[in-house]
Structure formats: C-alpha cells, structure tokens
PDB file of N, CA and C in Angstrom:
ATOM      1  N   MET A   1       0.847  -1.173   0.000  1.00  0.00           N
ATOM      2  CA  MET A   1       0.000   0.000   0.000  1.00  0.00           C
ATOM      3  C   MET A   1       0.894   1.238   0.000  1.00  0.00           C
ATOM      4  N   ASN A   2       0.543   2.186  -0.793  1.00  0.00           N
ATOM      5  CA  ASN A   2       1.266   3.444  -0.894  1.00  0.00           C
ATOM      6  C   ASN A   2       1.115   4.238   0.408  1.00  0.00           C
ATOM      7  N   ALA A   3       2.228   4.684   0.982  1.00  0.00           N
ATOM      8  CA  ALA A   3       2.211   5.388   2.274  1.00  0.00           C
ATOM      9  C   ALA A   3       1.437   6.701   2.200  1.00  0.00           C
ATOM     10  N   VAL A   4       1.548   7.421   1.113  1.00  0.00           N
ATOM     11  CA  VAL A   4       0.822   8.694   0.982  1.00  0.00           C
ATOM     12  C   VAL A   4      -0.679   8.431   0.978  1.00  0.00           C
ATOM     13  N   PHE A   5      -1.096   7.451   0.182  1.00  0.00           N
ATOM     14  CA  PHE A   5      -2.518   7.082   0.152  1.00  0.00           C
ATOM     15  C   PHE A   5      -2.988   6.647   1.534  1.00  0.00           C
ATOM     16  N   ALA A   6      -2.226   5.785   2.192  1.00  0.00           N
ATOM     17  CA  ALA A   6      -2.616   5.269   3.512  1.00  0.00           C
ATOM     18  C   ALA A   6      -2.768   6.401   4.519  1.00  0.00           C
ATOM     19  N   ASN A   7      -1.829   7.344   4.530  1.00  0.00           N
ATOM     20  CA  ASN A   7      -1.918   8.466   5.470  1.00  0.00           C
ATOM     21  C   ASN A   7      -3.135   9.334   5.207  1.00  0.00           C
ATOM     22  N   GLU A   8      -3.430   9.589   3.944  1.00  0.00           N
ATOM     23  CA  GLU A   8      -4.607  10.393   3.609  1.00  0.00           C
ATOM     24  C   GLU A   8      -5.902   9.649   3.919  1.00  0.00           C
ATOM     25  N   TYR A   9      -5.944   8.373   3.547  1.00  0.00           N
ATOM     26  CA  TYR A   9      -7.177   7.593   3.708  1.00  0.00           C
ATOM     27  C   TYR A   9      -7.475   7.312   5.177  1.00  0.00           C
ATOM     28  N   TYR A  10      -6.531   6.697   5.874  1.00  0.00           N
ATOM     29  CA  TYR A  10      -6.761   6.337   7.275  1.00  0.00           C
ATOM     30  C   TYR A  10      -6.669   7.545   8.193  1.00  0.00           C
ATOM     31  N   GLY A  11      -5.947   8.568   7.771  1.00  0.00           N
ATOM     32  CA  GLY A  11      -5.844   9.787   8.564  1.00  0.00           C
ATOM     33  C   GLY A  11      -7.174  10.500   8.745  1.00  0.00           C
ATOM     34  N   GLN A  12      -8.132  10.208   7.875  1.00  0.00           N
ATOM     35  CA  GLN A  12      -9.477  10.782   8.010  1.00  0.00           C
ATOM     36  C   GLN A  12     -10.118  10.431   9.343  1.00  0.00           C
ATOM     37  N   LEU A  13      -9.688   9.339   9.953  1.00  0.00           N
ATOM     38  CA  LEU A  13     -10.316   8.851  11.183  1.00  0.00           C
ATOM     39  C   LEU A  13      -9.788   9.514  12.449  1.00  0.00           C
ATOM     40  N   VAL A  14      -8.725  10.305  12.332  1.00  0.00           N
ATOM     41  CA  VAL A  14      -8.151  10.963  13.508  1.00  0.00           C
ATOM     42  C   VAL A  14      -9.202  11.857  14.153  1.00  0.00           C
ATOM     43  N   GLY A  15      -9.378  11.689  15.453  1.00  0.00           N
ATOM     44  CA  GLY A  15     -10.332  12.495  16.203  1.00  0.00           C
ATOM     45  C   GLY A  15     -11.706  11.866  16.359  1.00  0.00           C
ATOM     46  N   PHE A  16     -11.977  10.806  15.605  1.00  0.00           N
ATOM     47  CA  PHE A  16     -13.264  10.125  15.755  1.00  0.00           C
ATOM     48  C   PHE A  16     -13.244   9.242  16.996  1.00  0.00           C
ATOM     49  N   THR A  17     -14.409   9.030  17.585  1.00  0.00           N
ATOM     50  CA  THR A  17     -14.577   8.160  18.741  1.00  0.00           C
ATOM     51  C   THR A  17     -15.489   7.008  18.350  1.00  0.00           C
ATOM     52  N   ILE A  18     -15.115   5.798  18.733  1.00  0.00           N
ATOM     53  CA  ILE A  18     -15.967   4.630  18.464  1.00  0.00           C
ATOM     54  C   ILE A  18     -17.180   4.697  19.376  1.00  0.00           C
ATOM     55  N   LYS A  19     -18.355   4.657  18.772  1.00  0.00           N
ATOM     56  CA  LYS A  19     -19.601   4.727  19.530  1.00  0.00           C
ATOM     57  C   LYS A  19     -20.337   3.396  19.580  1.00  0.00           C
ATOM     58  N   LYS A  20     -20.080   2.546  18.580  1.00  0.00           N
ATOM     59  CA  LYS A  20     -20.816   1.280  18.505  1.00  0.00           C
ATOM     60  C   LYS A  20     -19.977   0.287  17.715  1.00  0.00           C
ATOM     61  N   PHE A  21     -20.141  -0.988  18.031  1.00  0.00           N
ATOM     62  CA  PHE A  21     -19.489  -2.073  17.306  1.00  0.00           C
ATOM     63  C   PHE A  21     -20.500  -3.182  17.077  1.00  0.00           C
ATOM     64  N   TYR A  22     -20.449  -3.805  15.905  1.00  0.00           N
ATOM     65  CA  TYR A  22     -21.268  -4.986  15.626  1.00  0.00           C
ATOM     66  C   TYR A  22     -20.652  -5.767  14.471  1.00  0.00           C
ATOM     67  N   ILE A  23     -21.146  -6.970  14.261  1.00  0.00           N
ATOM     68  CA  ILE A  23     -20.746  -7.806  13.130  1.00  0.00           C
ATOM     69  C   ILE A  23     -21.868  -7.757  12.103  1.00  0.00           C
ATOM     70  N   GLU A  24     -21.504  -7.481  10.862  1.00  0.00           N
ATOM     71  CA  GLU A  24     -22.471  -7.416   9.776  1.00  0.00           C
ATOM     72  C   GLU A  24     -22.194  -8.551   8.797  1.00  0.00           C
ATOM     73  N   ARG A  25     -23.235  -9.289   8.441  1.00  0.00           N
ATOM     74  CA  ARG A  25     -23.084 -10.388   7.484  1.00  0.00           C
ATOM     75  C   ARG A  25     -23.601  -9.930   6.129  1.00  0.00           C
ATOM     76  N   ASP A  26     -22.868 -10.288   5.076  1.00  0.00           N
ATOM     77  CA  ASP A  26     -23.333  -9.942   3.734  1.00  0.00           C
ATOM     78  C   ASP A  26     -24.127 -11.101   3.139  1.00  0.00           C
ATOM     79  N   GLU A  27     -24.576 -10.903   1.910  1.00  0.00           N
ATOM     80  CA  GLU A  27     -25.427 -11.915   1.265  1.00  0.00           C
ATOM     81  C   GLU A  27     -24.693 -13.197   0.918  1.00  0.00           C
ATOM     82  N   PHE A  28     -23.354 -13.177   1.023  1.00  0.00           N
ATOM     83  CA  PHE A  28     -22.554 -14.368   0.733  1.00  0.00           C
ATOM     84  C   PHE A  28     -22.134 -15.111   1.995  1.00  0.00           C
ATOM     85  N   GLY A  29     -22.556 -14.612   3.166  1.00  0.00           N
ATOM     86  CA  GLY A  29     -22.238 -15.258   4.424  1.00  0.00           C
ATOM     87  C   GLY A  29     -20.953 -14.791   5.081  1.00  0.00           C
ATOM     88  N   SER A  30     -20.289 -13.793   4.511  1.00  0.00           N
ATOM     89  CA  SER A  30     -19.076 -13.252   5.130  1.00  0.00           C
ATOM     90  C   SER A  30     -19.452 -12.337   6.288  1.00  0.00           C
ATOM     91  N   SER A  31     -18.616 -12.317   7.306  1.00  0.00           N
ATOM     92  CA  SER A  31     -18.848 -11.470   8.475  1.00  0.00           C
ATOM     93  C   SER A  31     -17.828 -10.339   8.507  1.00  0.00           C
ATOM     94  N   PHE A  32     -18.311  -9.126   8.692  1.00  0.00           N
ATOM     95  CA  PHE A  32     -17.455  -7.945   8.710  1.00  0.00           C
ATOM     96  C   PHE A  32     -17.571  -7.228  10.051  1.00  0.00           C
ATOM     97  N   PRO A  33     -16.459  -7.028  10.762  1.00  0.00           N
ATOM     98  CA  PRO A  33     -16.492  -6.188  11.959  1.00  0.00           C
ATOM     99  C   PRO A  33     -16.799  -4.744  11.526  1.00  0.00           C
ATOM    100  N   VAL A  34     -17.735  -4.101  12.218  1.00  0.00           N
ATOM    101  CA  VAL A  34     -18.160  -2.740  11.868  1.00  0.00           C
ATOM    102  C   VAL A  34     -18.065  -1.850  13.096  1.00  0.00           C
ATOM    103  N   PHE A  35     -17.507  -0.669  12.909  1.00  0.00           N
ATOM    104  CA  PHE A  35     -17.445   0.339  13.956  1.00  0.00           C
ATOM    105  C   PHE A  35     -18.204   1.568  13.477  1.00  0.00           C
ATOM    106  N   ILE A  36     -19.104   2.085  14.315  1.00  0.00           N
ATOM    107  CA  ILE A  36     -19.740   3.371  14.059  1.00  0.00           C
ATOM    108  C   ILE A  36     -18.946   4.384  14.870  1.00  0.00           C
ATOM    109  N   MET A  37     -18.449   5.403  14.177  1.00  0.00           N
ATOM    110  CA  MET A  37     -17.587   6.387  14.820  1.00  0.00           C
ATOM    111  C   MET A  37     -18.187   7.774  14.642  1.00  0.00           C
ATOM    112  N   GLU A  38     -17.861   8.669  15.601  1.00  0.00           N
ATOM    113  CA  GLU A  38     -18.429  10.011  15.562  1.00  0.00           C
ATOM    114  C   GLU A  38     -17.378  11.050  15.941  1.00  0.00           C
ATOM    115  N   ARG A  39     -17.461  12.204  15.253  1.00  0.00           N
ATOM    116  CA  ARG A  39     -16.605  13.361  15.563  1.00  0.00           C
ATOM    117  C   ARG A  39     -17.418  14.612  15.270  1.00  0.00           C
ATOM    118  N   ASN A  40     -17.640  15.409  16.303  1.00  0.00           N
ATOM    119  CA  ASN A  40     -18.366  16.683  16.148  1.00  0.00           C
ATOM    120  C   ASN A  40     -19.699  16.515  15.416  1.00  0.00           C
ATOM    121  N   GLY A  41     -20.442  15.476  15.763  1.00  0.00           N
ATOM    122  CA  GLY A  41     -21.748  15.235  15.164  1.00  0.00           C
ATOM    123  C   GLY A  41     -21.712  14.486  13.832  1.00  0.00           C
ATOM    124  N   GLU A  42     -20.537  14.329  13.240  1.00  0.00           N
ATOM    125  CA  GLU A  42     -20.402  13.571  11.984  1.00  0.00           C
ATOM    126  C   GLU A  42     -20.190  12.102  12.306  1.00  0.00           C
ATOM    127  N   LYS A  43     -20.972  11.235  11.686  1.00  0.00           N
ATOM    128  CA  LYS A  43     -20.849   9.796  11.910  1.00  0.00           C
ATOM    129  C   LYS A  43     -20.316   9.115  10.665  1.00  0.00           C
ATOM    130  N   VAL A  44     -19.459   8.107  10.878  1.00  0.00           N
ATOM    131  CA  VAL A  44     -18.966   7.282   9.778  1.00  0.00           C
ATOM    132  C   VAL A  44     -19.069   5.818  10.183  1.00  0.00           C
ATOM    133  N   LYS A  45     -19.209   4.969   9.176  1.00  0.00           N
ATOM    134  CA  LYS A  45     -19.234   3.522   9.372  1.00  0.00           C
ATOM    135  C   LYS A  45     -17.923   2.971   8.832  1.00  0.00           C
ATOM    136  N   VAL A  46     -17.187   2.257   9.676  1.00  0.00           N
ATOM    137  CA  VAL A  46     -15.911   1.676   9.277  1.00  0.00           C
ATOM    138  C   VAL A  46     -16.051   0.154   9.316  1.00  0.00           C
ATOM    139  N   SER A  47     -15.916  -0.495   8.169  1.00  0.00           N
ATOM    140  CA  SER A  47     -16.010  -1.947   8.071  1.00  0.00           C
ATOM    141  C   SER A  47     -14.628  -2.513   7.777  1.00  0.00           C
ATOM    142  N   LEU A  48     -14.236  -3.561   8.496  1.00  0.00           N
ATOM    143  CA  LEU A  48     -12.945  -4.196   8.278  1.00  0.00           C
ATOM    144  C   LEU A  48     -13.101  -5.310   7.251  1.00  0.00           C
ATOM    145  N   SER A  49     -12.341  -5.192   6.173  1.00  0.00           N
ATOM    146  CA  SER A  49     -12.417  -6.139   5.073  1.00  0.00           C
ATOM    147  C   SER A  49     -11.035  -6.695   4.774  1.00  0.00           C
ATOM    148  N   SER A  50     -10.990  -7.857   4.158  1.00  0.00           N
ATOM    149  CA  SER A  50      -9.706  -8.466   3.808  1.00  0.00           C
ATOM    150  C   SER A  50      -9.035  -7.758   2.639  1.00  0.00           C
ATOM    151  N   ASP A  51      -9.814  -6.987   1.858  1.00  0.00           N
ATOM    152  CA  ASP A  51      -9.253  -6.248   0.731  1.00  0.00           C
ATOM    153  C   ASP A  51     -10.180  -5.095   0.353  1.00  0.00           C
ATOM    154  N   GLU A  52      -9.735  -4.276  -0.592  1.00  0.00           N
ATOM    155  CA  GLU A  52     -10.499  -3.101  -1.015  1.00  0.00           C
ATOM    156  C   GLU A  52     -11.805  -3.447  -1.713  1.00  0.00           C
ATOM    157  N   GLU A  53     -11.925  -4.676  -2.173  1.00  0.00           N
ATOM    158  CA  GLU A  53     -13.126  -5.097  -2.892  1.00  0.00           C
ATOM    159  C   GLU A  53     -14.196  -5.682  -1.971  1.00  0.00           C
ATOM    160  N   GLY A  54     -13.898  -5.801  -0.693  1.00  0.00           N
ATOM    161  CA  GLY A  54     -14.878  -6.318   0.258  1.00  0.00           C
ATOM    162  C   GLY A  54     -15.160  -7.793   0.101  1.00  0.00           C
ATOM    163  N   ASN A  55     -14.134  -8.578  -0.268  1.00  0.00           N
ATOM    164  CA  ASN A  55     -14.345  -9.999  -0.517  1.00  0.00           C
ATOM    165  C   ASN A  55     -14.597 -10.832   0.724  1.00  0.00           C
ATOM    166  N   ASP A  56     -14.166 -10.378   1.877  1.00  0.00           N
ATOM    167  CA  ASP A  56     -14.369 -11.131   3.109  1.00  0.00           C
ATOM    168  C   ASP A  56     -14.066 -10.213   4.282  1.00  0.00           C
ATOM    169  N   GLY A  57     -14.529 -10.620   5.450  1.00  0.00           N
ATOM    170  CA  GLY A  57     -14.255  -9.826   6.648  1.00  0.00           C
ATOM    171  C   GLY A  57     -12.774  -9.775   6.937  1.00  0.00           C
ATOM    172  N   GLY A  58     -12.362  -8.742   7.652  1.00  0.00           N
ATOM    173  CA  GLY A  58     -10.946  -8.552   7.934  1.00  0.00           C
ATOM    174  C   GLY A  58     -10.636  -8.625   9.415  1.00  0.00           C
ATOM    175  N   PHE A  59      -9.387  -8.391   9.714  1.00  0.00           N
ATOM    176  CA  PHE A  59      -8.896  -8.475  11.083  1.00  0.00           C
ATOM    177  C   PHE A  59      -8.129  -7.202  11.398  1.00  0.00           C
ATOM    178  N   ALA A  60      -8.294  -6.686  12.617  1.00  0.00           N
ATOM    179  CA  ALA A  60      -7.520  -5.531  13.077  1.00  0.00           C
ATOM    180  C   ALA A  60      -6.666  -5.958  14.252  1.00  0.00           C
ATOM    181  N   PHE A  61      -5.417  -5.578  14.231  1.00  0.00           N
ATOM    182  CA  PHE A  61      -4.534  -5.854  15.354  1.00  0.00           C
ATOM    183  C   PHE A  61      -4.756  -4.767  16.396  1.00  0.00           C
ATOM    184  N   ILE A  62      -5.060  -5.166  17.628  1.00  0.00           N
ATOM    185  CA  ILE A  62      -5.244  -4.220  18.724  1.00  0.00           C
ATOM    186  C   ILE A  62      -4.071  -4.385  19.661  1.00  0.00           C
ATOM    187  N   GLU A  63      -3.257  -3.336  19.741  1.00  0.00           N
ATOM    188  CA  GLU A  63      -2.010  -3.405  20.508  1.00  0.00           C
ATOM    189  C   GLU A  63      -1.871  -2.151  21.369  1.00  0.00           C
ATOM    190  N   GLY A  64      -1.076  -2.255  22.406  1.00  0.00           N
ATOM    191  CA  GLY A  64      -0.765  -1.075  23.200  1.00  0.00           C
ATOM    192  C   GLY A  64       0.049  -0.093  22.377  1.00  0.00           C
ATOM    193  N   ALA A  65      -0.042   1.180  22.725  1.00  0.00           N
ATOM    194  CA  ALA A  65       0.707   2.204  21.989  1.00  0.00           C
ATOM    195  C   ALA A  65       1.394   3.131  22.967  1.00  0.00           C
ATOM    196  N   GLU A  66       2.456   3.749  22.498  1.00  0.00           N
ATOM    197  CA  GLU A  66       3.192   4.700  23.330  1.00  0.00           C
ATOM    198  C   GLU A  66       2.680   6.101  23.113  1.00  0.00           C
TER     199      GLU A  66
END
C-alpha cells in the first residue's frame, strides 16, 4: 500500500470516537467487523475487510501504543 494514500485515507479517522461495534453479514455469508464512529456530530461507518473489494471480513490488530 502506498504510504501517501494510507496516510490520507486512514488519517481521516483521527479524532473520531468509536460509539458502537457490531458484526455485519453480507449476502454471501461473510462477516465484517463494523465500527460506528463520531466526531463533532459527523458519523462514519468503518467496516474491516480483507481487501479493497470487500471480498471477506478482515482483522484488526489491537495493541498497546506509546
């Protein structure tokens, strides 16, 4: 993945707070972790996928940070 693209794309989420989490199933039986996030009244839906085409649910690494 191009670093410039990644910083612009994922950087959009800075400042958002996770308000809700659920698993969403598509018509093919795949399960996608979904986060509803909010910042200053603006809400976004973030779905974790294995690729940009949404072929299957994805995984997020949750780790401690400095």
